[in-house]
Protein backbone atom coordinates (compact mmCIF):
# COMPACT_ATOMS: atom_id res chain seq x y z
CA MET A 1 -2.50 7.63 -0.23
CA THR A 2 0.52 9.43 -2.31
CA ALA A 3 3.36 7.79 -3.14
CA GLU A 4 5.51 7.63 -0.90
CA GLN A 5 2.32 6.92 1.76
CA ILE A 6 2.34 3.94 -0.45
CA ARG A 7 6.23 3.11 -0.10
CA ASP A 8 6.46 4.40 3.35
CA LEU A 9 3.75 1.65 4.19
CA ARG A 10 5.48 -1.71 2.30
CA LEU A 11 8.38 -0.14 4.07
CA ARG A 12 6.85 -0.06 7.79
CA LEU A 13 5.72 -3.79 6.63
CA GLU A 14 8.71 -4.91 6.08
CA LEU A 15 8.26 -6.41 2.98
CA SER A 16 10.03 -6.23 -0.44
CA THR A 17 8.35 -4.98 -3.95
CA MET A 18 7.37 -8.30 -5.32
CA ALA A 19 5.80 -9.39 -2.06
CA PHE A 20 3.76 -5.89 -1.70
CA ALA A 21 2.72 -6.78 -5.41
CA ILE A 22 0.92 -10.30 -5.01
CA ARG A 23 -0.45 -9.52 -1.53
CA LEU A 24 -1.57 -6.56 -3.77
CA ALA A 25 -2.19 -8.27 -6.56
CA VAL A 26 -0.61 -6.70 -8.80
CA SER A 27 2.64 -6.43 -11.63
CA VAL A 28 6.27 -5.13 -9.10
CA ASP A 29 6.36 -2.30 -12.14
CA THR A 30 2.84 -1.35 -10.77
CA VAL A 31 4.01 -1.42 -7.69
CA ARG A 32 6.94 0.56 -8.39
CA LYS A 33 5.19 3.26 -10.71
CA TYR A 34 2.38 4.05 -7.34
CA GLU A 35 5.34 4.38 -5.47
CA GLN A 36 6.93 6.88 -7.56
CA GLY A 37 3.84 8.98 -7.86
CA LYS A 38 3.39 7.83 -11.83
CA ARG A 39 0.66 5.72 -10.79
CA ARG A 40 -2.06 6.59 -9.23
CA PRO A 41 -3.80 3.08 -7.75
CA THR A 42 -7.75 2.44 -7.96
CA ASP A 43 -10.02 2.43 -5.38
CA ARG A 44 -9.79 -0.93 -4.70
CA ILE A 45 -6.09 -0.98 -4.34
CA MET A 46 -6.79 1.82 -2.55
CA ARG A 47 -9.07 0.12 -0.31
CA LEU A 48 -6.86 -2.76 0.35
CA LEU A 49 -3.55 -0.21 1.02
CA GLU A 50 -5.27 1.11 3.76
CA ALA A 51 -6.96 -2.33 5.37
CA LEU A 52 -2.67 -3.27 5.03
CA ASP A 53 -2.01 0.95 7.31
CA VAL A 54 -2.16 -0.69 10.83
CA THR A 55 -2.31 3.50 11.70
CA THR A 56 -5.03 4.70 9.98
CA PRO A 57 -8.54 5.76 12.08
CA ALA A 58 -10.08 2.79 10.95
CA ARG A 59 -7.43 -0.28 11.71
CA GLN A 60 -6.78 2.09 15.54
CA GLU A 61 -10.65 1.42 16.23
CA VAL A 62 -10.98 -2.54 15.98
CA ALA A 63 -6.99 -2.07 17.54
CA VAL A 64 -8.66 -0.33 20.65
């Protein structure tokens, strides 16, 4: 997931940076760095992001 995709996901979920950080169990500064492309999410965070992203293929299959 790219920095732009992470930001788009947060905005689609209508979450503030702080609320998104709380859900990911990271700091607000870390979320900002993800969104600016200055830091890559860990594998654990990537799995959480994918779980939150209802547009991923795995989530679409479950919804069908």
